[in-house]
PDB file of N, CA and C in Angstrom:
ATOM      1  N   UNK A   1      20.391 -15.911 -14.456  1.00  0.00           N
ATOM      2  CA  UNK A   1      19.319 -15.506 -13.572  1.00  0.00           C
ATOM      3  C   UNK A   1      19.320 -13.997 -13.332  1.00  0.00           C
ATOM      4  N   UNK A   2      19.702 -13.230 -14.318  1.00  0.00           N
ATOM      5  CA  UNK A   2      19.732 -11.775 -14.166  1.00  0.00           C
ATOM      6  C   UNK A   2      18.349 -11.154 -14.318  1.00  0.00           C
ATOM      7  N   UNK A   3      17.444 -11.820 -15.023  1.00  0.00           N
ATOM      8  CA  UNK A   3      16.143 -11.217 -15.321  1.00  0.00           C
ATOM      9  C   UNK A   3      15.368 -10.782 -14.076  1.00  0.00           C
ATOM     10  N   UNK A   4      15.294 -11.586 -13.006  1.00  0.00           N
ATOM     11  CA  UNK A   4      14.558 -11.123 -11.824  1.00  0.00           C
ATOM     12  C   UNK A   4      15.191  -9.894 -11.170  1.00  0.00           C
ATOM     13  N   UNK A   5      16.507  -9.824 -11.184  1.00  0.00           N
ATOM     14  CA  UNK A   5      17.187  -8.682 -10.566  1.00  0.00           C
ATOM     15  C   UNK A   5      16.976  -7.427 -11.400  1.00  0.00           C
ATOM     16  N   UNK A   6      17.155  -7.548 -12.705  1.00  0.00           N
ATOM     17  CA  UNK A   6      16.962  -6.402 -13.593  1.00  0.00           C
ATOM     18  C   UNK A   6      15.509  -5.938 -13.542  1.00  0.00           C
ATOM     19  N   UNK A   7      14.575  -6.873 -13.498  1.00  0.00           N
ATOM     20  CA  UNK A   7      13.157  -6.509 -13.404  1.00  0.00           C
ATOM     21  C   UNK A   7      12.859  -5.761 -12.116  1.00  0.00           C
ATOM     22  N   UNK A   8      13.460  -6.196 -11.022  1.00  0.00           N
ATOM     23  CA  UNK A   8      13.264  -5.518  -9.743  1.00  0.00           C
ATOM     24  C   UNK A   8      13.820  -4.113  -9.745  1.00  0.00           C
ATOM     25  N   UNK A   9      15.015  -3.937 -10.304  1.00  0.00           N
ATOM     26  CA  UNK A   9      15.611  -2.597 -10.389  1.00  0.00           C
ATOM     27  C   UNK A   9      14.765  -1.715 -11.307  1.00  0.00           C
ATOM     28  N   UNK A  10      14.288  -2.273 -12.415  1.00  0.00           N
ATOM     29  CA  UNK A  10      13.423  -1.512 -13.323  1.00  0.00           C
ATOM     30  C   UNK A  10      12.139  -1.089 -12.619  1.00  0.00           C
ATOM     31  N   UNK A  11      11.575  -1.970 -11.811  1.00  0.00           N
ATOM     32  CA  UNK A  11      10.354  -1.635 -11.067  1.00  0.00           C
ATOM     33  C   UNK A  11      10.608  -0.509 -10.070  1.00  0.00           C
ATOM     34  N   UNK A  12      11.749  -0.531  -9.397  1.00  0.00           N
ATOM     35  CA  UNK A  12      12.090   0.547  -8.464  1.00  0.00           C
ATOM     36  C   UNK A  12      12.224   1.885  -9.185  1.00  0.00           C
ATOM     37  N   UNK A  13      12.863   1.860 -10.344  1.00  0.00           N
ATOM     38  CA  UNK A  13      13.032   3.096 -11.112  1.00  0.00           C
ATOM     39  C   UNK A  13      11.680   3.623 -11.572  1.00  0.00           C
ATOM     40  N   UNK A  14      10.839   2.733 -12.108  1.00  0.00           N
ATOM     41  CA  UNK A  14       9.534   3.167 -12.610  1.00  0.00           C
ATOM     42  C   UNK A  14       8.593   3.602 -11.494  1.00  0.00           C
ATOM     43  N   UNK A  15       8.772   3.057 -10.306  1.00  0.00           N
ATOM     44  CA  UNK A  15       7.965   3.497  -9.170  1.00  0.00           C
ATOM     45  C   UNK A  15       8.308   4.941  -8.815  1.00  0.00           C
ATOM     46  N   UNK A  16       9.576   5.269  -8.892  1.00  0.00           N
ATOM     47  CA  UNK A  16      10.038   6.623  -8.562  1.00  0.00           C
ATOM     48  C   UNK A  16       9.744   7.611  -9.696  1.00  0.00           C
ATOM     49  N   UNK A  17       9.888   7.154 -10.936  1.00  0.00           N
ATOM     50  CA  UNK A  17       9.693   7.993 -12.122  1.00  0.00           C
ATOM     51  C   UNK A  17       8.673   7.330 -13.054  1.00  0.00           C
ATOM     52  N   UNK A  18       7.385   7.399 -12.737  1.00  0.00           N
ATOM     53  CA  UNK A  18       6.374   6.656 -13.499  1.00  0.00           C
ATOM     54  C   UNK A  18       6.188   7.116 -14.946  1.00  0.00           C
ATOM     55  N   UNK A  19       6.629   8.309 -15.297  1.00  0.00           N
ATOM     56  CA  UNK A  19       6.459   8.778 -16.677  1.00  0.00           C
ATOM     57  C   UNK A  19       7.689   8.511 -17.540  1.00  0.00           C
ATOM     58  N   UNK A  20       8.665   7.810 -16.994  1.00  0.00           N
ATOM     59  CA  UNK A  20       9.888   7.509 -17.743  1.00  0.00           C
ATOM     60  C   UNK A  20       9.558   6.630 -18.942  1.00  0.00           C
ATOM     61  N   UNK A  21      10.151   6.950 -20.078  1.00  0.00           N
ATOM     62  CA  UNK A  21       9.915   6.158 -21.284  1.00  0.00           C
ATOM     63  C   UNK A  21      10.749   4.876 -21.242  1.00  0.00           C
ATOM     64  N   UNK A  22      10.389   3.942 -22.107  1.00  0.00           N
ATOM     65  CA  UNK A  22      11.134   2.685 -22.189  1.00  0.00           C
ATOM     66  C   UNK A  22      12.598   2.945 -22.526  1.00  0.00           C
ATOM     67  N   UNK A  23      12.838   3.835 -23.479  1.00  0.00           N
ATOM     68  CA  UNK A  23      14.210   4.117 -23.890  1.00  0.00           C
ATOM     69  C   UNK A  23      15.013   4.747 -22.753  1.00  0.00           C
ATOM     70  N   UNK A  24      14.390   5.656 -22.006  1.00  0.00           N
ATOM     71  CA  UNK A  24      15.076   6.260 -20.856  1.00  0.00           C
ATOM     72  C   UNK A  24      15.385   5.210 -19.790  1.00  0.00           C
ATOM     73  N   UNK A  25      14.440   4.312 -19.544  1.00  0.00           N
ATOM     74  CA  UNK A  25      14.653   3.238 -18.572  1.00  0.00           C
ATOM     75  C   UNK A  25      15.799   2.333 -19.027  1.00  0.00           C
ATOM     76  N   UNK A  26      15.790   1.973 -20.283  1.00  0.00           N
ATOM     77  CA  UNK A  26      16.845   1.131 -20.848  1.00  0.00           C
ATOM     78  C   UNK A  26      18.214   1.782 -20.667  1.00  0.00           C
ATOM     79  N   UNK A  27      18.311   3.064 -21.015  1.00  0.00           N
ATOM     80  CA  UNK A  27      19.580   3.786 -20.876  1.00  0.00           C
ATOM     81  C   UNK A  27      19.993   3.921 -19.417  1.00  0.00           C
ATOM     82  N   UNK A  28      19.034   4.119 -18.529  1.00  0.00           N
ATOM     83  CA  UNK A  28      19.335   4.222 -17.094  1.00  0.00           C
ATOM     84  C   UNK A  28      19.898   2.902 -16.568  1.00  0.00           C
ATOM     85  N   UNK A  29      19.299   1.799 -16.975  1.00  0.00           N
ATOM     86  CA  UNK A  29      19.792   0.490 -16.540  1.00  0.00           C
ATOM     87  C   UNK A  29      21.208   0.231 -17.055  1.00  0.00           C
ATOM     88  N   UNK A  30      21.441   0.528 -18.328  1.00  0.00           N
ATOM     89  CA  UNK A  30      22.761   0.268 -18.906  1.00  0.00           C
ATOM     90  C   UNK A  30      23.835   1.184 -18.340  1.00  0.00           C
ATOM     91  N   UNK A  31      23.472   2.407 -18.017  1.00  0.00           N
ATOM     92  CA  UNK A  31      24.481   3.350 -17.518  1.00  0.00           C
ATOM     93  C   UNK A  31      24.844   3.086 -16.061  1.00  0.00           C
ATOM     94  N   UNK A  32      24.088   2.229 -15.385  1.00  0.00           N
ATOM     95  CA  UNK A  32      24.357   1.927 -13.984  1.00  0.00           C
ATOM     96  C   UNK A  32      24.824   0.493 -13.780  1.00  0.00           C
ATOM     97  N   UNK A  33      25.499  -0.064 -14.773  1.00  0.00           N
ATOM     98  CA  UNK A  33      26.057  -1.410 -14.655  1.00  0.00           C
ATOM     99  C   UNK A  33      27.514  -1.336 -14.219  1.00  0.00           C
ATOM    100  N   UNK A  34      27.879  -2.235 -13.327  1.00  0.00           N
ATOM    101  CA  UNK A  34      29.258  -2.311 -12.846  1.00  0.00           C
ATOM    102  C   UNK A  34      30.024  -3.321 -13.688  1.00  0.00           C
ATOM    103  N   UNK A  35      31.137  -2.897 -14.247  1.00  0.00           N
ATOM    104  CA  UNK A  35      31.985  -3.783 -15.032  1.00  0.00           C
ATOM    105  C   UNK A  35      32.626  -4.805 -14.098  1.00  0.00           C
ATOM    106  N   UNK A  36      32.511  -6.079 -14.438  1.00  0.00           N
ATOM    107  CA  UNK A  36      33.055  -7.146 -13.605  1.00  0.00           C
ATOM    108  C   UNK A  36      34.454  -7.568 -14.030  1.00  0.00           C
ATOM    109  N   UNK A  37      34.960  -6.973 -15.100  1.00  0.00           N
ATOM    110  CA  UNK A  37      36.299  -7.309 -15.562  1.00  0.00           C
ATOM    111  C   UNK A  37      36.377  -8.618 -16.324  1.00  0.00           C
ATOM    112  N   UNK A  38      35.244  -9.142 -16.741  1.00  0.00           N
ATOM    113  CA  UNK A  38      35.210 -10.389 -17.507  1.00  0.00           C
ATOM    114  C   UNK A  38      34.993 -10.067 -18.976  1.00  0.00           C
ATOM    115  N   UNK A  39      35.164 -11.074 -19.847  1.00  0.00           N
ATOM    116  CA  UNK A  39      34.886 -10.839 -21.253  1.00  0.00           C
ATOM    117  C   UNK A  39      33.382 -10.652 -21.455  1.00  0.00           C
ATOM    118  N   UNK A  40      33.017  -9.963 -22.540  1.00  0.00           N
ATOM    119  CA  UNK A  40      31.617  -9.593 -22.795  1.00  0.00           C
ATOM    120  C   UNK A  40      30.694 -10.806 -22.898  1.00  0.00           C
ATOM    121  N   UNK A  41      31.211 -11.943 -23.349  1.00  0.00           N
ATOM    122  CA  UNK A  41      30.380 -13.139 -23.464  1.00  0.00           C
ATOM    123  C   UNK A  41      29.960 -13.668 -22.096  1.00  0.00           C
ATOM    124  N   UNK A  42      30.765 -13.407 -21.068  1.00  0.00           N
ATOM    125  CA  UNK A  42      30.460 -13.900 -19.721  1.00  0.00           C
ATOM    126  C   UNK A  42      29.699 -12.890 -18.882  1.00  0.00           C
ATOM    127  N   UNK A  43      29.970 -11.612 -19.058  1.00  0.00           N
ATOM    128  CA  UNK A  43      29.367 -10.620 -18.175  1.00  0.00           C
ATOM    129  C   UNK A  43      28.297  -9.767 -18.841  1.00  0.00           C
ATOM    130  N   UNK A  44      28.226  -9.756 -20.160  1.00  0.00           N
ATOM    131  CA  UNK A  44      27.290  -8.857 -20.823  1.00  0.00           C
ATOM    132  C   UNK A  44      27.676  -7.422 -20.524  1.00  0.00           C
ATOM    133  N   UNK A  45      26.719  -6.628 -20.064  1.00  0.00           N
ATOM    134  CA  UNK A  45      27.008  -5.235 -19.704  1.00  0.00           C
ATOM    135  C   UNK A  45      27.566  -5.121 -18.296  1.00  0.00           C
ATOM    136  N   UNK A  46      27.457  -6.168 -17.497  1.00  0.00           N
ATOM    137  CA  UNK A  46      27.982  -6.144 -16.134  1.00  0.00           C
ATOM    138  C   UNK A  46      26.888  -6.369 -15.113  1.00  0.00           C
ATOM    139  N   UNK A  47      27.177  -5.997 -13.884  1.00  0.00           N
ATOM    140  CA  UNK A  47      26.254  -6.187 -12.770  1.00  0.00           C
ATOM    141  C   UNK A  47      25.378  -4.955 -12.623  1.00  0.00           C
ATOM    142  N   UNK A  48      24.072  -5.129 -12.763  1.00  0.00           N
ATOM    143  CA  UNK A  48      23.158  -3.989 -12.680  1.00  0.00           C
ATOM    144  C   UNK A  48      23.154  -3.433 -11.251  1.00  0.00           C
ATOM    145  N   UNK A  49      23.154  -2.112 -11.154  1.00  0.00           N
ATOM    146  CA  UNK A  49      23.168  -1.425  -9.868  1.00  0.00           C
ATOM    147  C   UNK A  49      21.923  -0.548  -9.752  1.00  0.00           C
ATOM    148  N   UNK A  50      21.459  -0.350  -8.534  1.00  0.00           N
ATOM    149  CA  UNK A  50      20.355   0.585  -8.314  1.00  0.00           C
ATOM    150  C   UNK A  50      20.918   1.992  -8.479  1.00  0.00           C
ATOM    151  N   UNK A  51      20.325   2.802  -9.354  1.00  0.00           N
ATOM    152  CA  UNK A  51      20.854   4.149  -9.580  1.00  0.00           C
ATOM    153  C   UNK A  51      20.875   4.983  -8.298  1.00  0.00           C
ATOM    154  N   UNK A  52      21.903   5.806  -8.160  1.00  0.00           N
ATOM    155  CA  UNK A  52      22.025   6.641  -6.962  1.00  0.00           C
ATOM    156  C   UNK A  52      20.906   7.668  -6.876  1.00  0.00           C
ATOM    157  N   UNK A  53      20.234   7.946  -7.979  1.00  0.00           N
ATOM    158  CA  UNK A  53      19.111   8.885  -7.959  1.00  0.00           C
ATOM    159  C   UNK A  53      17.948   8.363  -7.121  1.00  0.00           C
ATOM    160  N   UNK A  54      17.938   7.077  -6.820  1.00  0.00           N
ATOM    161  CA  UNK A  54      16.845   6.500  -6.031  1.00  0.00           C
ATOM    162  C   UNK A  54      17.115   6.533  -4.539  1.00  0.00           C
ATOM    163  N   UNK A  55      18.305   6.908  -4.126  1.00  0.00           N
ATOM    164  CA  UNK A  55      18.642   6.907  -2.700  1.00  0.00           C
ATOM    165  C   UNK A  55      18.047   8.108  -2.027  1.00  0.00           C
TER     166      UNK A  55
END
């Protein structure tokens, strides 16, 4: 059930930076994931976080 959370974070980023490209958004999402300490099959990239640039 990560899709609704990731979509919400993506919407927040795009609201703040409406001219951001898809690739920039993708990289922003991946660079703000918290490692959960699990194997990659269970956690993927980790827990998506709202970038600090939005605070």
